Amino acid sequence: MDYFAQQLINGLVLGSIYGLIAIGYTMVYGIVGMINFAHGDIFMIGGFIALISFLVLVSLGLTAIPLILLIVLLVSMAITALYGWTIERIAYRPLRHSFRLAPMLSAIGMSFVLTNFSQVSQGARVKPVPPIITGGYTLHEGAQGFAVQLSNVQIMVVLATIVVLALFTWLVSRTRLGRDMRACEQDQTMAALLGVDVDRTISMTFVIGAALAAVAGMMYLLYYGLVDFFMGFVAGIKAFTAAVLGGIGSLPGAMLGGLAIGLIETFWSAYFSVEYKDVAAFSILIVVLIFMPTGLLGRPEVEKV
């Protein structure tokens, strides 16, 4: 039971990171109706910016870890949001009214551009960092000597996810921008007729999604202690799977799908073979979609006639 509790903690932390990335996928799909395949690479860019910002602040003589982490988070979110805005203006907006496959092909191309840009500018080697947040708590110690540990970095990942999701929920449900986003999700033409700036709303959707990916990138750096140019592809595929599992277009579904994928991977790695954890996650996705084609919390699309 102690071993199960430890894997539950690990799975929830990993799922929180997947959920933050998955929200970016489902936001863009809900409003524009396309999959932003470059979103995983935005997550990777956020991780690199967090690493570079941390090293710069340390080299300047800052030693207060909470202050450093706050500055790193804000800088990473700001620069990564700028990446998201630029990508939308360059790769997606000119193709918005083109044939349906054009934005998807552009997104795949942008993914390769960001991956190779990071490889050339930062190198192909993994960039490790020493543990930034140390310490933790022993929740329970079993008779056989196995202790259930909850580290401070795990607490920070979960708390940061909850705070960010609370702010994001308030933004979507209580602000003018949130109302514009929900209006564009229902009908862009009617929203434009009612005075909604559709181009600005879509751009802000990419900006917010990129900022959430930056938070996930920083949490990944703190939790695993490394970044590399290829991590965006793997995490992006997992987060996209989480968005589909939860119901593409559903924001709560994206978070639920992220937690589900994280728990599936962690428990499968703990009790079975770690080499087949991806097989287990995608197999469960297939089974769920067979019986629930719209995902766990997705709603069937209603075609207008």
C-alpha atoms as a PDB file:
ATOM      1  CA  MET A   1       0.000   0.000   0.000  1.00  0.00           C
ATOM      2  CA  ASP A   2       2.900   2.370   0.731  1.00  0.00           C
ATOM      3  CA  TYR A   3       4.354   1.664  -2.700  1.00  0.00           C
ATOM      4  CA  PHE A   4       0.956   2.379  -4.273  1.00  0.00           C
ATOM      5  CA  ALA A   5       0.689   5.690  -2.404  1.00  0.00           C
ATOM      6  CA  GLN A   6       4.141   6.737  -3.593  1.00  0.00           C
ATOM      7  CA  GLN A   7       3.286   5.979  -7.218  1.00  0.00           C
ATOM      8  CA  LEU A   8       0.007   7.872  -6.827  1.00  0.00           C
ATOM      9  CA  ILE A   9       1.933  10.975  -5.772  1.00  0.00           C
ATOM     10  CA  ASN A  10       4.395  10.581  -8.650  1.00  0.00           C
ATOM     11  CA  GLY A  11       1.562  10.089 -11.147  1.00  0.00           C
ATOM     12  CA  LEU A  12      -0.346  13.166  -9.995  1.00  0.00           C
ATOM     13  CA  VAL A  13       2.765  15.332 -10.341  1.00  0.00           C
ATOM     14  CA  LEU A  14       3.522  14.034 -13.838  1.00  0.00           C
ATOM     15  CA  GLY A  15      -0.141  14.371 -14.798  1.00  0.00           C
ATOM     16  CA  SER A  16      -0.178  17.993 -13.659  1.00  0.00           C
ATOM     17  CA  ILE A  17       2.594  18.805 -16.138  1.00  0.00           C
ATOM     18  CA  TYR A  18       0.806  16.957 -18.952  1.00  0.00           C
ATOM     19  CA  GLY A  19      -2.437  18.738 -18.076  1.00  0.00           C
ATOM     20  CA  LEU A  20      -0.893  22.212 -18.342  1.00  0.00           C
ATOM     21  CA  ILE A  21       0.382  21.400 -21.831  1.00  0.00           C
ATOM     22  CA  ALA A  22      -2.884  19.721 -22.860  1.00  0.00           C
ATOM     23  CA  ILE A  23      -4.892  22.863 -22.051  1.00  0.00           C
ATOM     24  CA  GLY A  24      -2.973  24.705 -24.774  1.00  0.00           C
ATOM     25  CA  TYR A  25      -3.949  22.072 -27.330  1.00  0.00           C
ATOM     26  CA  THR A  26      -7.617  22.079 -26.395  1.00  0.00           C
ATOM     27  CA  MET A  27      -7.853  25.905 -26.252  1.00  0.00           C
ATOM     28  CA  VAL A  28      -6.606  26.319 -29.813  1.00  0.00           C
ATOM     29  CA  TYR A  29      -8.759  23.482 -31.106  1.00  0.00           C
ATOM     30  CA  GLY A  30     -11.850  24.817 -29.373  1.00  0.00           C
ATOM     31  CA  ILE A  31     -11.563  28.248 -31.007  1.00  0.00           C
ATOM     32  CA  VAL A  32      -9.758  27.700 -34.321  1.00  0.00           C
ATOM     33  CA  GLY A  33     -10.646  24.054 -34.928  1.00  0.00           C
ATOM     34  CA  MET A  34      -7.046  22.983 -35.606  1.00  0.00           C
ATOM     35  CA  ILE A  35      -4.364  21.084 -33.707  1.00  0.00           C
ATOM     36  CA  ASN A  36      -1.311  23.176 -32.876  1.00  0.00           C
ATOM     37  CA  PHE A  37       1.347  20.505 -33.297  1.00  0.00           C
ATOM     38  CA  ALA A  38       4.056  23.042 -32.429  1.00  0.00           C
ATOM     39  CA  HIS A  39       2.682  23.420 -28.901  1.00  0.00           C
ATOM     40  CA  GLY A  40       4.930  20.709 -27.478  1.00  0.00           C
ATOM     41  CA  ASP A  41       7.934  22.596 -28.813  1.00  0.00           C
ATOM     42  CA  ILE A  42       6.655  25.768 -27.148  1.00  0.00           C
ATOM     43  CA  PHE A  43       6.801  23.775 -23.900  1.00  0.00           C
ATOM     44  CA  MET A  44      10.411  22.877 -24.725  1.00  0.00           C
ATOM     45  CA  ILE A  45      11.248  26.530 -25.455  1.00  0.00           C
ATOM     46  CA  GLY A  46       9.772  27.465 -22.083  1.00  0.00           C
ATOM     47  CA  GLY A  47      12.051  24.951 -20.359  1.00  0.00           C
ATOM     48  CA  PHE A  48      15.141  26.338 -22.087  1.00  0.00           C
ATOM     49  CA  ILE A  49      14.198  29.941 -21.295  1.00  0.00           C
ATOM     50  CA  ALA A  50      13.682  28.987 -17.641  1.00  0.00           C
ATOM     51  CA  LEU A  51      17.129  27.357 -17.558  1.00  0.00           C
ATOM     52  CA  ILE A  52      18.856  30.319 -19.216  1.00  0.00           C
ATOM     53  CA  SER A  53      17.062  32.825 -16.969  1.00  0.00           C
ATOM     54  CA  PHE A  54      18.042  30.854 -13.872  1.00  0.00           C
ATOM     55  CA  LEU A  55      21.716  30.746 -14.894  1.00  0.00           C
ATOM     56  CA  VAL A  56      21.747  34.477 -15.693  1.00  0.00           C
ATOM     57  CA  LEU A  57      20.225  35.421 -12.337  1.00  0.00           C
ATOM     58  CA  VAL A  58      22.654  33.180 -10.444  1.00  0.00           C
ATOM     59  CA  SER A  59      25.593  34.698 -12.352  1.00  0.00           C
ATOM     60  CA  LEU A  60      24.364  38.173 -11.339  1.00  0.00           C
ATOM     61  CA  GLY A  61      24.677  37.192  -7.679  1.00  0.00           C
ATOM     62  CA  LEU A  62      21.071  36.532  -6.683  1.00  0.00           C
ATOM     63  CA  THR A  63      20.840  33.855  -3.997  1.00  0.00           C
ATOM     64  CA  ALA A  64      17.230  34.029  -2.758  1.00  0.00           C
ATOM     65  CA  ILE A  65      15.687  30.943  -4.367  1.00  0.00           C
ATOM     66  CA  PRO A  66      12.021  32.068  -4.051  1.00  0.00           C
ATOM     67  CA  LEU A  67      12.812  35.402  -5.730  1.00  0.00           C
ATOM     68  CA  ILE A  68      14.840  33.674  -8.449  1.00  0.00           C
ATOM     69  CA  LEU A  69      12.039  31.209  -9.182  1.00  0.00           C
ATOM     70  CA  LEU A  70       9.433  33.978  -9.370  1.00  0.00           C
ATOM     71  CA  ILE A  71      11.548  36.028 -11.794  1.00  0.00           C
ATOM     72  CA  VAL A  72      12.347  32.930 -13.873  1.00  0.00           C
ATOM     73  CA  LEU A  73       8.660  32.041 -14.068  1.00  0.00           C
ATOM     74  CA  LEU A  74       7.597  35.535 -15.171  1.00  0.00           C
ATOM     75  CA  VAL A  75      10.412  35.848 -17.732  1.00  0.00           C
ATOM     76  CA  SER A  76       9.744  32.391 -19.125  1.00  0.00           C
ATOM     77  CA  MET A  77       6.015  33.041 -19.446  1.00  0.00           C
ATOM     78  CA  ALA A  78       6.567  36.428 -21.118  1.00  0.00           C
ATOM     79  CA  ILE A  79       9.114  35.275 -23.697  1.00  0.00           C
ATOM     80  CA  THR A  80       7.298  32.021 -24.450  1.00  0.00           C
ATOM     81  CA  ALA A  81       4.025  33.932 -24.862  1.00  0.00           C
ATOM     82  CA  LEU A  82       5.828  36.111 -27.420  1.00  0.00           C
ATOM     83  CA  TYR A  83       6.841  32.935 -29.255  1.00  0.00           C
ATOM     84  CA  GLY A  84       3.211  31.813 -29.284  1.00  0.00           C
ATOM     85  CA  TRP A  85       2.019  35.174 -30.630  1.00  0.00           C
ATOM     86  CA  THR A  86       4.689  35.187 -33.338  1.00  0.00           C
ATOM     87  CA  ILE A  87       3.897  31.651 -34.453  1.00  0.00           C
ATOM     88  CA  GLU A  88       0.208  32.469 -34.763  1.00  0.00           C
ATOM     89  CA  ARG A  89       0.917  35.570 -36.848  1.00  0.00           C
ATOM     90  CA  ILE A  90       3.441  33.889 -39.147  1.00  0.00           C
ATOM     91  CA  ALA A  91       2.319  30.281 -39.502  1.00  0.00           C
ATOM     92  CA  TYR A  92      -1.423  30.162 -38.801  1.00  0.00           C
ATOM     93  CA  ARG A  93      -3.203  33.460 -39.478  1.00  0.00           C
ATOM     94  CA  PRO A  94      -2.364  33.614 -43.219  1.00  0.00           C
ATOM     95  CA  LEU A  95      -3.743  30.072 -43.634  1.00  0.00           C
ATOM     96  CA  ARG A  96      -6.842  30.415 -41.470  1.00  0.00           C
ATOM     97  CA  HIS A  97      -9.226  30.463 -44.433  1.00  0.00           C
ATOM     98  CA  SER A  98      -7.230  28.054 -46.580  1.00  0.00           C
ATOM     99  CA  PHE A  99      -8.073  24.371 -47.069  1.00  0.00           C
ATOM    100  CA  ARG A 100      -8.282  22.384 -43.845  1.00  0.00           C
ATOM    101  CA  LEU A 101      -4.928  20.598 -44.067  1.00  0.00           C
ATOM    102  CA  ALA A 102      -2.882  23.757 -44.686  1.00  0.00           C
ATOM    103  CA  PRO A 103      -2.754  24.981 -41.030  1.00  0.00           C
ATOM    104  CA  MET A 104      -1.928  21.465 -39.833  1.00  0.00           C
ATOM    105  CA  LEU A 105       0.968  21.161 -42.295  1.00  0.00           C
ATOM    106  CA  SER A 106       2.157  24.610 -41.259  1.00  0.00           C
ATOM    107  CA  ALA A 107       1.986  23.559 -37.591  1.00  0.00           C
ATOM    108  CA  ILE A 108       4.067  20.446 -38.262  1.00  0.00           C
ATOM    109  CA  GLY A 109       6.600  22.536 -40.164  1.00  0.00           C
ATOM    110  CA  MET A 110       6.790  25.075 -37.328  1.00  0.00           C
ATOM    111  CA  SER A 111       7.390  22.206 -34.905  1.00  0.00           C
ATOM    112  CA  PHE A 112      10.431  21.133 -36.898  1.00  0.00           C
ATOM    113  CA  VAL A 113      11.635  24.734 -37.117  1.00  0.00           C
ATOM    114  CA  LEU A 114      11.507  25.192 -33.323  1.00  0.00           C
ATOM    115  CA  THR A 115      13.122  21.812 -32.662  1.00  0.00           C
ATOM    116  CA  ASN A 116      16.037  22.439 -35.002  1.00  0.00           C
ATOM    117  CA  PHE A 117      16.384  26.043 -33.855  1.00  0.00           C
ATOM    118  CA  SER A 118      16.830  24.814 -30.277  1.00  0.00           C
ATOM    119  CA  GLN A 119      19.229  22.091 -31.381  1.00  0.00           C
ATOM    120  CA  VAL A 120      21.413  24.575 -33.281  1.00  0.00           C
ATOM    121  CA  SER A 121      21.300  27.357 -30.697  1.00  0.00           C
ATOM    122  CA  GLN A 122      21.563  25.261 -27.506  1.00  0.00           C
ATOM    123  CA  GLY A 123      23.272  22.087 -28.713  1.00  0.00           C
ATOM    124  CA  ALA A 124      22.045  18.518 -28.956  1.00  0.00           C
ATOM    125  CA  ARG A 125      23.219  17.390 -25.524  1.00  0.00           C
ATOM    126  CA  VAL A 126      20.960  17.137 -22.500  1.00  0.00           C
ATOM    127  CA  LYS A 127      21.286  20.177 -20.235  1.00  0.00           C
ATOM    128  CA  PRO A 128      21.262  18.978 -16.603  1.00  0.00           C
ATOM    129  CA  VAL A 129      20.934  21.278 -13.612  1.00  0.00           C
ATOM    130  CA  PRO A 130      21.601  20.513  -9.943  1.00  0.00           C
ATOM    131  CA  PRO A 131      18.557  20.187  -7.661  1.00  0.00           C
ATOM    132  CA  ILE A 132      17.169  23.669  -7.123  1.00  0.00           C
ATOM    133  CA  ILE A 133      14.491  22.787  -4.575  1.00  0.00           C
ATOM    134  CA  THR A 134      15.543  20.154  -2.068  1.00  0.00           C
ATOM    135  CA  GLY A 135      14.046  18.515   0.986  1.00  0.00           C
ATOM    136  CA  GLY A 136      10.679  16.975   1.613  1.00  0.00           C
ATOM    137  CA  TYR A 137       8.523  15.047   4.038  1.00  0.00           C
ATOM    138  CA  THR A 138       8.120  11.413   4.982  1.00  0.00           C
ATOM    139  CA  LEU A 139       4.386  10.744   5.019  1.00  0.00           C
ATOM    140  CA  HIS A 140       4.550   7.137   6.182  1.00  0.00           C
ATOM    141  CA  GLU A 141       7.176   4.491   6.796  1.00  0.00           C
ATOM    142  CA  GLY A 142       6.094   0.888   6.417  1.00  0.00           C
ATOM    143  CA  ALA A 143       7.178  -2.139   8.369  1.00  0.00           C
ATOM    144  CA  GLN A 144       9.428  -3.288   5.527  1.00  0.00           C
ATOM    145  CA  GLY A 145      11.329  -0.010   5.490  1.00  0.00           C
ATOM    146  CA  PHE A 146       9.648   1.580   2.447  1.00  0.00           C
ATOM    147  CA  ALA A 147       8.872   5.247   3.123  1.00  0.00           C
ATOM    148  CA  VAL A 148       6.284   7.315   1.286  1.00  0.00           C
ATOM    149  CA  GLN A 149       8.068  10.546   0.368  1.00  0.00           C
ATOM    150  CA  LEU A 150       6.600  13.875  -0.680  1.00  0.00           C
ATOM    151  CA  SER A 151       9.335  16.206  -1.882  1.00  0.00           C
ATOM    152  CA  ASN A 152       9.151  19.980  -1.800  1.00  0.00           C
ATOM    153  CA  VAL A 153       9.470  20.154  -5.584  1.00  0.00           C
ATOM    154  CA  GLN A 154       6.439  17.861  -5.954  1.00  0.00           C
ATOM    155  CA  ILE A 155       4.459  20.127  -3.647  1.00  0.00           C
ATOM    156  CA  MET A 156       5.524  23.143  -5.686  1.00  0.00           C
ATOM    157  CA  VAL A 157       4.525  21.523  -9.004  1.00  0.00           C
ATOM    158  CA  VAL A 158       1.042  20.654  -7.737  1.00  0.00           C
ATOM    159  CA  LEU A 159       0.483  24.019  -6.019  1.00  0.00           C
ATOM    160  CA  ALA A 160       1.693  25.940  -9.070  1.00  0.00           C
ATOM    161  CA  THR A 161      -0.658  23.924 -11.263  1.00  0.00           C
ATOM    162  CA  ILE A 162      -3.632  24.631  -8.975  1.00  0.00           C
ATOM    163  CA  VAL A 163      -2.879  28.365  -8.803  1.00  0.00           C
ATOM    164  CA  VAL A 164      -2.369  28.690 -12.554  1.00  0.00           C
ATOM    165  CA  LEU A 165      -5.557  26.755 -13.302  1.00  0.00           C
ATOM    166  CA  ALA A 166      -7.528  28.906 -10.840  1.00  0.00           C
ATOM    167  CA  LEU A 167      -6.285  32.094 -12.528  1.00  0.00           C
ATOM    168  CA  PHE A 168      -6.994  30.630 -15.957  1.00  0.00           C
ATOM    169  CA  THR A 169     -10.516  29.595 -14.942  1.00  0.00           C
ATOM    170  CA  TRP A 170     -11.192  33.093 -13.634  1.00  0.00           C
ATOM    171  CA  LEU A 171      -9.849  34.565 -16.880  1.00  0.00           C
ATOM    172  CA  VAL A 172     -12.103  32.426 -19.071  1.00  0.00           C
ATOM    173  CA  SER A 173     -15.264  32.751 -16.992  1.00  0.00           C
ATOM    174  CA  ARG A 174     -15.098  36.276 -15.537  1.00  0.00           C
ATOM    175  CA  THR A 175     -13.303  38.578 -17.979  1.00  0.00           C
ATOM    176  CA  ARG A 176     -14.125  40.224 -21.296  1.00  0.00           C
ATOM    177  CA  LEU A 177     -11.384  38.238 -23.006  1.00  0.00           C
ATOM    178  CA  GLY A 178     -12.875  35.022 -21.662  1.00  0.00           C
ATOM    179  CA  ARG A 179     -16.302  35.940 -22.995  1.00  0.00           C
ATOM    180  CA  ASP A 180     -14.762  36.744 -26.375  1.00  0.00           C
ATOM    181  CA  MET A 181     -12.996  33.380 -26.403  1.00  0.00           C
ATOM    182  CA  ARG A 182     -16.217  31.524 -25.631  1.00  0.00           C
ATOM    183  CA  ALA A 183     -18.068  33.513 -28.304  1.00  0.00           C
ATOM    184  CA  CYS A 184     -15.436  32.702 -30.939  1.00  0.00           C
ATOM    185  CA  GLU A 185     -15.600  29.050 -29.919  1.00  0.00           C
ATOM    186  CA  GLN A 186     -19.332  28.978 -30.678  1.00  0.00           C
ATOM    187  CA  ASP A 187     -19.424  31.016 -33.892  1.00  0.00           C
ATOM    188  CA  GLN A 188     -16.629  33.280 -35.142  1.00  0.00           C
ATOM    189  CA  THR A 189     -18.778  35.007 -37.770  1.00  0.00           C
ATOM    190  CA  MET A 190     -21.523  35.917 -35.325  1.00  0.00           C
ATOM    191  CA  ALA A 191     -18.952  36.978 -32.732  1.00  0.00           C
ATOM    192  CA  ALA A 192     -17.394  39.351 -35.272  1.00  0.00           C
ATOM    193  CA  LEU A 193     -20.810  40.805 -36.111  1.00  0.00           C
ATOM    194  CA  LEU A 194     -21.368  41.488 -32.420  1.00  0.00           C
ATOM    195  CA  GLY A 195     -18.121  43.459 -32.129  1.00  0.00           C
ATOM    196  CA  VAL A 196     -15.647  40.798 -30.995  1.00  0.00           C
ATOM    197  CA  ASP A 197     -12.147  41.247 -32.431  1.00  0.00           C
ATOM    198  CA  VAL A 198     -11.680  37.668 -33.633  1.00  0.00           C
ATOM    199  CA  ASP A 199      -8.037  38.080 -34.710  1.00  0.00           C
ATOM    200  CA  ARG A 200      -7.071  39.541 -31.333  1.00  0.00           C
ATOM    201  CA  THR A 201      -8.969  36.822 -29.471  1.00  0.00           C
ATOM    202  CA  ILE A 202      -7.260  34.038 -31.404  1.00  0.00           C
ATOM    203  CA  SER A 203      -3.848  35.652 -30.877  1.00  0.00           C
ATOM    204  CA  MET A 204      -4.495  35.912 -27.132  1.00  0.00           C
ATOM    205  CA  THR A 205      -5.524  32.271 -27.097  1.00  0.00           C
ATOM    206  CA  PHE A 206      -2.117  31.310 -28.479  1.00  0.00           C
ATOM    207  CA  VAL A 207      -0.415  33.669 -26.016  1.00  0.00           C
ATOM    208  CA  ILE A 208      -2.207  32.180 -22.999  1.00  0.00           C
ATOM    209  CA  GLY A 209      -1.608  28.624 -24.188  1.00  0.00           C
ATOM    210  CA  ALA A 210       2.096  29.366 -24.639  1.00  0.00           C
ATOM    211  CA  ALA A 211       2.298  30.914 -21.154  1.00  0.00           C
ATOM    212  CA  LEU A 212       0.760  27.775 -19.636  1.00  0.00           C
ATOM    213  CA  ALA A 213       3.267  25.669 -21.583  1.00  0.00           C
ATOM    214  CA  ALA A 214       6.050  27.838 -20.126  1.00  0.00           C
ATOM    215  CA  VAL A 215       4.823  27.056 -16.603  1.00  0.00           C
ATOM    216  CA  ALA A 216       4.865  23.357 -17.504  1.00  0.00           C
ATOM    217  CA  GLY A 217       8.376  23.709 -18.938  1.00  0.00           C
ATOM    218  CA  MET A 218       9.667  25.298 -15.756  1.00  0.00           C
ATOM    219  CA  MET A 219       7.973  22.652 -13.597  1.00  0.00           C
ATOM    220  CA  TYR A 220       9.545  19.944 -15.782  1.00  0.00           C
ATOM    221  CA  LEU A 221      12.982  21.540 -15.305  1.00  0.00           C
ATOM    222  CA  LEU A 222      12.552  21.698 -11.538  1.00  0.00           C
ATOM    223  CA  TYR A 223      11.158  18.174 -11.262  1.00  0.00           C
ATOM    224  CA  TYR A 224      13.471  16.273 -13.594  1.00  0.00           C
ATOM    225  CA  GLY A 225      16.496  18.579 -13.481  1.00  0.00           C
ATOM    226  CA  LEU A 226      17.169  18.587 -17.230  1.00  0.00           C
ATOM    227  CA  VAL A 227      16.036  19.914 -20.578  1.00  0.00           C
ATOM    228  CA  ASP A 228      16.862  18.907 -24.137  1.00  0.00           C
ATOM    229  CA  PHE A 229      15.758  19.945 -27.614  1.00  0.00           C
ATOM    230  CA  PHE A 230      13.706  16.761 -28.207  1.00  0.00           C
ATOM    231  CA  MET A 231      11.630  16.780 -25.019  1.00  0.00           C
ATOM    232  CA  GLY A 232       8.904  18.883 -26.632  1.00  0.00           C
ATOM    233  CA  PHE A 233       8.028  16.177 -29.143  1.00  0.00           C
ATOM    234  CA  VAL A 234       7.520  13.423 -26.564  1.00  0.00           C
ATOM    235  CA  ALA A 235       5.702  15.606 -24.027  1.00  0.00           C
ATOM    236  CA  GLY A 236       3.636  17.170 -26.809  1.00  0.00           C
ATOM    237  CA  ILE A 237       2.402  13.800 -28.049  1.00  0.00           C
ATOM    238  CA  LYS A 238       1.529  12.758 -24.484  1.00  0.00           C
ATOM    239  CA  ALA A 239      -0.291  16.053 -23.824  1.00  0.00           C
ATOM    240  CA  PHE A 240      -2.178  15.799 -27.123  1.00  0.00           C
ATOM    241  CA  THR A 241      -3.194  12.282 -26.118  1.00  0.00           C
ATOM    242  CA  ALA A 242      -4.375  13.659 -22.779  1.00  0.00           C
ATOM    243  CA  ALA A 243      -6.439  16.339 -24.534  1.00  0.00           C
ATOM    244  CA  VAL A 244      -8.094  13.734 -26.771  1.00  0.00           C
ATOM    245  CA  LEU A 245      -8.669  11.371 -23.839  1.00  0.00           C
ATOM    246  CA  GLY A 246     -10.327  14.089 -21.757  1.00  0.00           C
ATOM    247  CA  GLY A 247     -12.313  15.405 -24.708  1.00  0.00           C
ATOM    248  CA  ILE A 248     -10.670  17.758 -27.182  1.00  0.00           C
ATOM    249  CA  GLY A 249     -12.159  21.213 -26.719  1.00  0.00           C
ATOM    250  CA  SER A 250     -12.965  20.668 -23.029  1.00  0.00           C
ATOM    251  CA  LEU A 251     -10.682  22.542 -20.625  1.00  0.00           C
ATOM    252  CA  PRO A 252     -11.545  20.401 -17.549  1.00  0.00           C
ATOM    253  CA  GLY A 253     -11.225  17.356 -19.797  1.00  0.00           C
ATOM    254  CA  ALA A 254      -7.677  18.371 -20.763  1.00  0.00           C
ATOM    255  CA  MET A 255      -6.607  18.489 -17.117  1.00  0.00           C
ATOM    256  CA  LEU A 256      -8.414  15.241 -16.346  1.00  0.00           C
ATOM    257  CA  GLY A 257      -6.800  13.577 -19.350  1.00  0.00           C
ATOM    258  CA  GLY A 258      -3.372  14.808 -18.266  1.00  0.00           C
ATOM    259  CA  LEU A 259      -3.804  13.357 -14.791  1.00  0.00           C
ATOM    260  CA  ALA A 260      -5.061  10.089 -16.294  1.00  0.00           C
ATOM    261  CA  ILE A 261      -2.069   9.755 -18.652  1.00  0.00           C
ATOM    262  CA  GLY A 262       0.356  10.576 -15.842  1.00  0.00           C
ATOM    263  CA  LEU A 263      -1.198   7.982 -13.524  1.00  0.00           C
ATOM    264  CA  ILE A 264      -1.331   5.309 -16.245  1.00  0.00           C
ATOM    265  CA  GLU A 265       2.336   5.800 -17.137  1.00  0.00           C
ATOM    266  CA  THR A 266       3.483   5.852 -13.523  1.00  0.00           C
ATOM    267  CA  PHE A 267       1.525   2.809 -12.350  1.00  0.00           C
ATOM    268  CA  TRP A 268       2.421   0.791 -15.443  1.00  0.00           C
ATOM    269  CA  SER A 269       6.115   1.620 -14.981  1.00  0.00           C
ATOM    270  CA  ALA A 270       5.922   0.687 -11.301  1.00  0.00           C
ATOM    271  CA  TYR A 271       4.044  -2.613 -11.562  1.00  0.00           C
ATOM    272  CA  PHE A 272       4.823  -3.805 -15.092  1.00  0.00           C
ATOM    273  CA  SER A 273       7.450  -2.965 -17.717  1.00  0.00           C
ATOM    274  CA  VAL A 274       8.626   0.622 -18.053  1.00  0.00           C
ATOM    275  CA  GLU A 275       9.404   0.008 -21.743  1.00  0.00           C
ATOM    276  CA  TYR A 276       5.694  -0.458 -22.483  1.00  0.00           C
ATOM    277  CA  LYS A 277       4.282   2.499 -20.541  1.00  0.00           C
ATOM    278  CA  ASP A 278       3.488   4.365 -23.769  1.00  0.00           C
ATOM    279  CA  VAL A 279       1.785   1.276 -25.189  1.00  0.00           C
ATOM    280  CA  ALA A 280      -0.414   1.117 -22.093  1.00  0.00           C
ATOM    281  CA  ALA A 281      -1.369   4.803 -22.304  1.00  0.00           C
ATOM    282  CA  PHE A 282      -2.290   4.676 -25.985  1.00  0.00           C
ATOM    283  CA  SER A 283      -4.105   1.353 -25.595  1.00  0.00           C
ATOM    284  CA  ILE A 284      -6.334   2.827 -22.892  1.00  0.00           C
ATOM    285  CA  LEU A 285      -6.896   5.856 -25.125  1.00  0.00           C
ATOM    286  CA  ILE A 286      -8.099   3.572 -27.932  1.00  0.00           C
ATOM    287  CA  VAL A 287     -10.436   1.674 -25.625  1.00  0.00           C
ATOM    288  CA  VAL A 288     -11.922   4.886 -24.222  1.00  0.00           C
ATOM    289  CA  LEU A 289     -12.476   6.359 -27.687  1.00  0.00           C
ATOM    290  CA  ILE A 290     -14.181   3.177 -28.893  1.00  0.00           C
ATOM    291  CA  PHE A 291     -16.854   3.473 -26.207  1.00  0.00           C
ATOM    292  CA  MET A 292     -16.724   7.286 -25.751  1.00  0.00           C
ATOM    293  CA  PRO A 293     -15.751   8.817 -29.124  1.00  0.00           C
ATOM    294  CA  THR A 294     -15.750  12.367 -27.773  1.00  0.00           C
ATOM    295  CA  GLY A 295     -13.512  11.541 -24.802  1.00  0.00           C
ATOM    296  CA  LEU A 296     -14.273  11.550 -21.101  1.00  0.00           C
ATOM    297  CA  LEU A 297     -15.778  15.058 -20.913  1.00  0.00           C
ATOM    298  CA  GLY A 298     -16.121  15.941 -24.585  1.00  0.00           C
ATOM    299  CA  ARG A 299     -19.396  16.994 -26.171  1.00  0.00           C
ATOM    300  CA  PRO A 300     -20.536  15.792 -29.587  1.00  0.00           C
ATOM    301  CA  GLU A 301     -20.299  18.447 -32.268  1.00  0.00           C
ATOM    302  CA  VAL A 302     -23.568  19.800 -33.604  1.00  0.00           C
ATOM    303  CA  GLU A 303     -23.408  20.688 -37.284  1.00  0.00           C
ATOM    304  CA  LYS A 304     -25.188  23.901 -38.294  1.00  0.00           C
ATOM    305  CA  VAL A 305     -27.549  23.602 -41.248  1.00  0.00           C
END
